[in-house]
């Protein structure tokens, strides 16, 4: 929820309206930014990467605590 004090952008405005228009105060003065909506393009390569990530996550969850500790130790060395 955006909070305004005085006329818009003149005295103090901060927060967001509808998660798109964001008001903030910077050293250079007040600022208003428009946030573009992210688009989830559903390409074949994107789906492949998501599937690989989910498979890796599932494989990690099947490991025992000792196996996870060994992997963490290996990756930190």
PDB file of N, CA and C in Angstrom:
ATOM      1  N   UNK A   1       0.851  -1.169   0.000  1.00  0.00           N
ATOM      2  CA  UNK A   1       0.000   0.000   0.000  1.00  0.00           C
ATOM      3  C   UNK A   1       0.891   1.224   0.000  1.00  0.00           C
ATOM      4  N   UNK A   2       0.682   2.115  -0.930  1.00  0.00           N
ATOM      5  CA  UNK A   2       1.470   3.339  -1.001  1.00  0.00           C
ATOM      6  C   UNK A   2       0.977   4.323   0.044  1.00  0.00           C
ATOM      7  N   UNK A   3       1.922   5.039   0.649  1.00  0.00           N
ATOM      8  CA  UNK A   3       1.573   6.068   1.630  1.00  0.00           C
ATOM      9  C   UNK A   3       2.037   7.408   1.078  1.00  0.00           C
ATOM     10  N   UNK A   4       1.133   8.360   1.038  1.00  0.00           N
ATOM     11  CA  UNK A   4       1.431   9.671   0.482  1.00  0.00           C
ATOM     12  C   UNK A   4       1.320  10.733   1.558  1.00  0.00           C
ATOM     13  N   UNK A   5       2.210  11.706   1.490  1.00  0.00           N
ATOM     14  CA  UNK A   5       2.152  12.839   2.399  1.00  0.00           C
ATOM     15  C   UNK A   5       2.338  14.078   1.527  1.00  0.00           C
ATOM     16  N   UNK A   6       1.321  14.874   1.398  1.00  0.00           N
ATOM     17  CA  UNK A   6       1.375  16.031   0.519  1.00  0.00           C
ATOM     18  C   UNK A   6       1.082  15.608  -0.912  1.00  0.00           C
ATOM     19  N   UNK A   7       1.156  16.524  -1.855  1.00  0.00           N
ATOM     20  CA  UNK A   7       0.905  16.191  -3.258  1.00  0.00           C
ATOM     21  C   UNK A   7       1.899  15.144  -3.756  1.00  0.00           C
ATOM     22  N   UNK A   8       1.440  14.309  -4.624  1.00  0.00           N
ATOM     23  CA  UNK A   8       2.244  13.207  -5.145  1.00  0.00           C
ATOM     24  C   UNK A   8       3.590  13.696  -5.688  1.00  0.00           C
ATOM     25  N   UNK A   9       4.661  13.070  -5.260  1.00  0.00           N
ATOM     26  CA  UNK A   9       6.046  13.323  -5.667  1.00  0.00           C
ATOM     27  C   UNK A   9       6.600  14.662  -5.199  1.00  0.00           C
ATOM     28  N   UNK A  10       5.861  15.446  -4.442  1.00  0.00           N
ATOM     29  CA  UNK A  10       6.402  16.728  -4.037  1.00  0.00           C
ATOM     30  C   UNK A  10       7.013  16.690  -2.646  1.00  0.00           C
ATOM     31  N   UNK A  11       6.383  15.986  -1.717  1.00  0.00           N
ATOM     32  CA  UNK A  11       6.903  15.985  -0.354  1.00  0.00           C
ATOM     33  C   UNK A  11       7.414  14.611   0.054  1.00  0.00           C
ATOM     34  N   UNK A  12       6.505  13.623   0.074  1.00  0.00           N
ATOM     35  CA  UNK A  12       6.920  12.298   0.510  1.00  0.00           C
ATOM     36  C   UNK A  12       5.921  11.271  -0.008  1.00  0.00           C
ATOM     37  N   UNK A  13       6.419  10.294  -0.743  1.00  0.00           N
ATOM     38  CA  UNK A  13       5.594   9.180  -1.213  1.00  0.00           C
ATOM     39  C   UNK A  13       6.460   7.937  -1.198  1.00  0.00           C
ATOM     40  N   UNK A  14       5.939   6.840  -0.637  1.00  0.00           N
ATOM     41  CA  UNK A  14       6.684   5.585  -0.660  1.00  0.00           C
ATOM     42  C   UNK A  14       5.706   4.430  -0.660  1.00  0.00           C
ATOM     43  N   UNK A  15       6.127   3.334  -1.274  1.00  0.00           N
ATOM     44  CA  UNK A  15       5.291   2.150  -1.361  1.00  0.00           C
ATOM     45  C   UNK A  15       4.907   1.862  -2.802  1.00  0.00           C
ATOM     46  N   UNK A  16       3.996   0.918  -2.980  1.00  0.00           N
ATOM     47  CA  UNK A  16       3.591   0.496  -4.317  1.00  0.00           C
ATOM     48  C   UNK A  16       2.085   0.544  -4.468  1.00  0.00           C
ATOM     49  N   UNK A  17       1.663   0.781  -5.680  1.00  0.00           N
ATOM     50  CA  UNK A  17       0.250   0.729  -6.041  1.00  0.00           C
ATOM     51  C   UNK A  17       0.101  -0.413  -7.034  1.00  0.00           C
ATOM     52  N   UNK A  18      -0.703  -1.383  -6.688  1.00  0.00           N
ATOM     53  CA  UNK A  18      -0.999  -2.547  -7.533  1.00  0.00           C
ATOM     54  C   UNK A  18       0.268  -3.289  -7.965  1.00  0.00           C
ATOM     55  N   UNK A  19       1.310  -3.262  -7.156  1.00  0.00           N
ATOM     56  CA  UNK A  19       2.577  -3.944  -7.431  1.00  0.00           C
ATOM     57  C   UNK A  19       3.181  -3.534  -8.771  1.00  0.00           C
ATOM     58  N   UNK A  20       2.799  -2.373  -9.275  1.00  0.00           N
ATOM     59  CA  UNK A  20       3.305  -1.915 -10.567  1.00  0.00           C
ATOM     60  C   UNK A  20       3.967  -0.544 -10.475  1.00  0.00           C
ATOM     61  N   UNK A  21       3.366   0.386  -9.737  1.00  0.00           N
ATOM     62  CA  UNK A  21       3.887   1.733  -9.619  1.00  0.00           C
ATOM     63  C   UNK A  21       4.477   1.889  -8.226  1.00  0.00           C
ATOM     64  N   UNK A  22       5.795   2.079  -8.157  1.00  0.00           N
ATOM     65  CA  UNK A  22       6.501   2.118  -6.885  1.00  0.00           C
ATOM     66  C   UNK A  22       7.088   3.500  -6.653  1.00  0.00           C
ATOM     67  N   UNK A  23       6.850   4.038  -5.465  1.00  0.00           N
ATOM     68  CA  UNK A  23       7.356   5.354  -5.081  1.00  0.00           C
ATOM     69  C   UNK A  23       8.415   5.174  -4.006  1.00  0.00           C
ATOM     70  N   UNK A  24       9.506   5.934  -4.114  1.00  0.00           N
ATOM     71  CA  UNK A  24      10.557   5.875  -3.106  1.00  0.00           C
ATOM     72  C   UNK A  24      11.301   7.201  -3.076  1.00  0.00           C
ATOM     73  N   UNK A  25      12.080   7.369  -2.003  1.00  0.00           N
ATOM     74  CA  UNK A  25      12.872   8.586  -1.855  1.00  0.00           C
ATOM     75  C   UNK A  25      14.337   8.209  -1.968  1.00  0.00           C
ATOM     76  N   UNK A  26      15.061   8.891  -2.821  1.00  0.00           N
ATOM     77  CA  UNK A  26      16.485   8.661  -3.014  1.00  0.00           C
ATOM     78  C   UNK A  26      17.248   9.920  -2.632  1.00  0.00           C
ATOM     79  N   UNK A  27      18.559   9.821  -2.610  1.00  0.00           N
ATOM     80  CA  UNK A  27      19.382  10.986  -2.295  1.00  0.00           C
ATOM     81  C   UNK A  27      19.151  12.095  -3.318  1.00  0.00           C
ATOM     82  N   UNK A  28      18.845  11.706  -4.548  1.00  0.00           N
ATOM     83  CA  UNK A  28      18.615  12.684  -5.605  1.00  0.00           C
ATOM     84  C   UNK A  28      17.196  13.254  -5.567  1.00  0.00           C
ATOM     85  N   UNK A  29      16.329  12.691  -4.740  1.00  0.00           N
ATOM     86  CA  UNK A  29      14.957  13.171  -4.621  1.00  0.00           C
ATOM     87  C   UNK A  29      13.957  12.034  -4.705  1.00  0.00           C
ATOM     88  N   UNK A  30      12.700  12.377  -4.825  1.00  0.00           N
ATOM     89  CA  UNK A  30      11.653  11.368  -4.909  1.00  0.00           C
ATOM     90  C   UNK A  30      11.693  10.682  -6.270  1.00  0.00           C
ATOM     91  N   UNK A  31      11.234   9.437  -6.289  1.00  0.00           N
ATOM     92  CA  UNK A  31      11.290   8.648  -7.507  1.00  0.00           C
ATOM     93  C   UNK A  31      10.019   7.837  -7.657  1.00  0.00           C
ATOM     94  N   UNK A  32       9.539   7.723  -8.879  1.00  0.00           N
ATOM     95  CA  UNK A  32       8.425   6.830  -9.210  1.00  0.00           C
ATOM     96  C   UNK A  32       8.903   5.885 -10.298  1.00  0.00           C
ATOM     97  N   UNK A  33       8.725   4.573 -10.089  1.00  0.00           N
ATOM     98  CA  UNK A  33       9.161   3.570 -11.062  1.00  0.00           C
ATOM     99  C   UNK A  33       7.973   2.705 -11.442  1.00  0.00           C
ATOM    100  N   UNK A  34       7.895   2.368 -12.716  1.00  0.00           N
ATOM    101  CA  UNK A  34       6.873   1.447 -13.190  1.00  0.00           C
ATOM    102  C   UNK A  34       7.508   0.079 -13.330  1.00  0.00           C
ATOM    103  N   UNK A  35       6.930  -0.924 -12.685  1.00  0.00           N
ATOM    104  CA  UNK A  35       7.439  -2.285 -12.744  1.00  0.00           C
ATOM    105  C   UNK A  35       6.678  -3.056 -13.820  1.00  0.00           C
ATOM    106  N   UNK A  36       7.380  -3.506 -14.834  1.00  0.00           N
ATOM    107  CA  UNK A  36       6.743  -4.298 -15.880  1.00  0.00           C
ATOM    108  C   UNK A  36       6.436  -5.693 -15.349  1.00  0.00           C
ATOM    109  N   UNK A  37       5.335  -6.240 -15.766  1.00  0.00           N
ATOM    110  CA  UNK A  37       4.948  -7.582 -15.349  1.00  0.00           C
ATOM    111  C   UNK A  37       5.866  -8.605 -16.011  1.00  0.00           C
ATOM    112  N   UNK A  38       6.305  -9.595 -15.248  1.00  0.00           N
ATOM    113  CA  UNK A  38       7.127 -10.658 -15.812  1.00  0.00           C
ATOM    114  C   UNK A  38       6.259 -11.574 -16.659  1.00  0.00           C
ATOM    115  N   UNK A  39       6.810 -11.980 -17.777  1.00  0.00           N
ATOM    116  CA  UNK A  39       6.097 -12.903 -18.648  1.00  0.00           C
ATOM    117  C   UNK A  39       6.765 -14.259 -18.555  1.00  0.00           C
ATOM    118  N   UNK A  40       5.985 -15.272 -18.330  1.00  0.00           N
ATOM    119  CA  UNK A  40       6.509 -16.624 -18.219  1.00  0.00           C
ATOM    120  C   UNK A  40       6.432 -17.272 -19.593  1.00  0.00           C
ATOM    121  N   UNK A  41       7.477 -17.029 -20.400  1.00  0.00           N
ATOM    122  CA  UNK A  41       7.490 -17.664 -21.712  1.00  0.00           C
ATOM    123  C   UNK A  41       7.766 -19.143 -21.509  1.00  0.00           C
ATOM    124  N   UNK A  42       6.946 -19.950 -22.059  1.00  0.00           N
ATOM    125  CA  UNK A  42       6.993 -21.387 -21.826  1.00  0.00           C
ATOM    126  C   UNK A  42       7.677 -22.090 -22.990  1.00  0.00           C
ATOM    127  N   UNK A  43       8.984 -21.817 -23.177  1.00  0.00           N
ATOM    128  CA  UNK A  43       9.708 -22.420 -24.292  1.00  0.00           C
ATOM    129  C   UNK A  43      10.096 -23.855 -23.960  1.00  0.00           C
ATOM    130  N   UNK A  44      10.454 -24.597 -24.994  1.00  0.00           N
ATOM    131  CA  UNK A  44      10.856 -25.992 -24.820  1.00  0.00           C
ATOM    132  C   UNK A  44      12.110 -26.088 -23.960  1.00  0.00           C
ATOM    133  N   UNK A  45      13.091 -25.219 -24.227  1.00  0.00           N
ATOM    134  CA  UNK A  45      14.332 -25.274 -23.441  1.00  0.00           C
ATOM    135  C   UNK A  45      14.080 -24.882 -21.982  1.00  0.00           C
ATOM    136  N   UNK A  46      13.165 -23.950 -21.761  1.00  0.00           N
ATOM    137  CA  UNK A  46      12.833 -23.545 -20.388  1.00  0.00           C
ATOM    138  C   UNK A  46      12.171 -24.711 -19.644  1.00  0.00           C
ATOM    139  N   UNK A  47      11.279 -25.409 -20.301  1.00  0.00           N
ATOM    140  CA  UNK A  47      10.626 -26.564 -19.686  1.00  0.00           C
ATOM    141  C   UNK A  47      11.636 -27.672 -19.393  1.00  0.00           C
ATOM    142  N   UNK A  48      12.607 -27.853 -20.296  1.00  0.00           N
ATOM    143  CA  UNK A  48      13.650 -28.857 -20.084  1.00  0.00           C
ATOM    144  C   UNK A  48      14.463 -28.520 -18.842  1.00  0.00           C
ATOM    145  N   UNK A  49      14.861 -27.256 -18.702  1.00  0.00           N
ATOM    146  CA  UNK A  49      15.636 -26.832 -17.534  1.00  0.00           C
ATOM    147  C   UNK A  49      14.837 -26.986 -16.248  1.00  0.00           C
ATOM    148  N   UNK A  50      13.568 -26.649 -16.293  1.00  0.00           N
ATOM    149  CA  UNK A  50      12.722 -26.796 -15.104  1.00  0.00           C
ATOM    150  C   UNK A  50      12.592 -28.261 -14.708  1.00  0.00           C
ATOM    151  N   UNK A  51      12.457 -29.128 -15.683  1.00  0.00           N
ATOM    152  CA  UNK A  51      12.347 -30.563 -15.412  1.00  0.00           C
ATOM    153  C   UNK A  51      13.638 -31.089 -14.801  1.00  0.00           C
ATOM    154  N   UNK A  52      14.786 -30.679 -15.369  1.00  0.00           N
ATOM    155  CA  UNK A  52      16.079 -31.108 -14.823  1.00  0.00           C
ATOM    156  C   UNK A  52      16.257 -30.619 -13.388  1.00  0.00           C
ATOM    157  N   UNK A  53      15.868 -29.386 -13.123  1.00  0.00           N
ATOM    158  CA  UNK A  53      15.983 -28.851 -11.769  1.00  0.00           C
ATOM    159  C   UNK A  53      15.115 -29.645 -10.801  1.00  0.00           C
ATOM    160  N   UNK A  54      13.887 -29.952 -11.184  1.00  0.00           N
ATOM    161  CA  UNK A  54      12.995 -30.719 -10.309  1.00  0.00           C
ATOM    162  C   UNK A  54      13.532 -32.121 -10.056  1.00  0.00           C
ATOM    163  N   UNK A  55      14.133 -32.730 -11.078  1.00  0.00           N
ATOM    164  CA  UNK A  55      14.720 -34.059 -10.904  1.00  0.00           C
ATOM    165  C   UNK A  55      15.903 -34.008  -9.942  1.00  0.00           C
ATOM    166  N   UNK A  56      16.718 -32.961 -10.072  1.00  0.00           N
ATOM    167  CA  UNK A  56      17.866 -32.808  -9.166  1.00  0.00           C
ATOM    168  C   UNK A  56      17.388 -32.573  -7.735  1.00  0.00           C
ATOM    169  N   UNK A  57      16.335 -31.760  -7.587  1.00  0.00           N
ATOM    170  CA  UNK A  57      15.785 -31.512  -6.252  1.00  0.00           C
ATOM    171  C   UNK A  57      15.271 -32.809  -5.626  1.00  0.00           C
ATOM    172  N   UNK A  58      14.548 -33.593  -6.415  1.00  0.00           N
ATOM    173  CA  UNK A  58      14.014 -34.853  -5.910  1.00  0.00           C
ATOM    174  C   UNK A  58      15.141 -35.823  -5.530  1.00  0.00           C
ATOM    175  N   UNK A  59      16.203 -35.861  -6.342  1.00  0.00           N
ATOM    176  CA  UNK A  59      17.344 -36.741  -6.038  1.00  0.00           C
ATOM    177  C   UNK A  59      18.026 -36.294  -4.748  1.00  0.00           C
ATOM    178  N   UNK A  60      18.149 -34.987  -4.535  1.00  0.00           N
ATOM    179  CA  UNK A  60      18.781 -34.470  -3.309  1.00  0.00           C
ATOM    180  C   UNK A  60      17.956 -34.867  -2.082  1.00  0.00           C
ATOM    181  N   UNK A  61      16.638 -34.792  -2.212  1.00  0.00           N
ATOM    182  CA  UNK A  61      15.778 -35.115  -1.081  1.00  0.00           C
ATOM    183  C   UNK A  61      15.829 -36.599  -0.719  1.00  0.00           C
ATOM    184  N   UNK A  62      16.225 -37.451  -1.653  1.00  0.00           N
ATOM    185  CA  UNK A  62      16.329 -38.883  -1.384  1.00  0.00           C
ATOM    186  C   UNK A  62      17.624 -39.242  -0.663  1.00  0.00           C
ATOM    187  N   UNK A  63      18.612 -38.329  -0.657  1.00  0.00           N
ATOM    188  CA  UNK A  63      19.881 -38.619   0.016  1.00  0.00           C
ATOM    189  C   UNK A  63      19.709 -38.638   1.526  1.00  0.00           C
ATOM    190  N   UNK A  64      20.562 -39.433   2.179  1.00  0.00           N
ATOM    191  CA  UNK A  64      20.561 -39.451   3.642  1.00  0.00           C
ATOM    192  C   UNK A  64      21.286 -38.203   4.148  1.00  0.00           C
ATOM    193  N   UNK A  65      21.165 -37.952   5.430  1.00  0.00           N
ATOM    194  CA  UNK A  65      21.842 -36.795   6.037  1.00  0.00           C
ATOM    195  C   UNK A  65      23.353 -36.910   5.866  1.00  0.00           C
ATOM    196  N   UNK A  66      23.893 -38.121   6.007  1.00  0.00           N
ATOM    197  CA  UNK A  66      25.334 -38.331   5.854  1.00  0.00           C
ATOM    198  C   UNK A  66      25.781 -38.049   4.420  1.00  0.00           C
ATOM    199  N   UNK A  67      24.989 -38.524   3.436  1.00  0.00           N
ATOM    200  CA  UNK A  67      25.332 -38.282   2.030  1.00  0.00           C
ATOM    201  C   UNK A  67      25.289 -36.789   1.700  1.00  0.00           C
ATOM    202  N   UNK A  68      24.302 -36.084   2.247  1.00  0.00           N
ATOM    203  CA  UNK A  68      24.226 -34.638   2.017  1.00  0.00           C
ATOM    204  C   UNK A  68      25.435 -33.936   2.624  1.00  0.00           C
ATOM    205  N   UNK A  69      25.855 -34.368   3.813  1.00  0.00           N
ATOM    206  CA  UNK A  69      27.017 -33.765   4.466  1.00  0.00           C
ATOM    207  C   UNK A  69      28.273 -33.992   3.634  1.00  0.00           C
ATOM    208  N   UNK A  70      28.415 -35.192   3.048  1.00  0.00           N
ATOM    209  CA  UNK A  70      29.565 -35.474   2.184  1.00  0.00           C
ATOM    210  C   UNK A  70      29.562 -34.561   0.956  1.00  0.00           C
ATOM    211  N   UNK A  71      28.416 -34.386   0.332  1.00  0.00           N
ATOM    212  CA  UNK A  71      28.304 -33.497  -0.844  1.00  0.00           C
ATOM    213  C   UNK A  71      28.666 -32.068  -0.464  1.00  0.00           C
ATOM    214  N   UNK A  72      28.154 -31.598   0.663  1.00  0.00           N
ATOM    215  CA  UNK A  72      28.441 -30.227   1.100  1.00  0.00           C
ATOM    216  C   UNK A  72      29.937 -30.062   1.385  1.00  0.00           C
ATOM    217  N   UNK A  73      30.522 -31.060   2.032  1.00  0.00           N
ATOM    218  CA  UNK A  73      31.960 -31.009   2.332  1.00  0.00           C
ATOM    219  C   UNK A  73      32.769 -30.997   1.038  1.00  0.00           C
ATOM    220  N   UNK A  74      32.392 -31.825   0.081  1.00  0.00           N
ATOM    221  CA  UNK A  74      33.083 -31.894  -1.211  1.00  0.00           C
ATOM    222  C   UNK A  74      33.002 -30.560  -1.950  1.00  0.00           C
ATOM    223  N   UNK A  75      31.852 -29.914  -1.931  1.00  0.00           N
ATOM    224  CA  UNK A  75      31.673 -28.662  -2.660  1.00  0.00           C
ATOM    225  C   UNK A  75      32.311 -27.471  -1.963  1.00  0.00           C
ATOM    226  N   UNK A  76      32.571 -27.559  -0.670  1.00  0.00           N
ATOM    227  CA  UNK A  76      33.208 -26.467   0.059  1.00  0.00           C
ATOM    228  C   UNK A  76      34.736 -26.555   0.033  1.00  0.00           C
ATOM    229  N   UNK A  77      35.266 -27.656  -0.497  1.00  0.00           N
ATOM    230  CA  UNK A  77      36.734 -27.800  -0.514  1.00  0.00           C
ATOM    231  C   UNK A  77      37.319 -27.360  -1.828  1.00  0.00           C
TER     232      UNK A  77
END
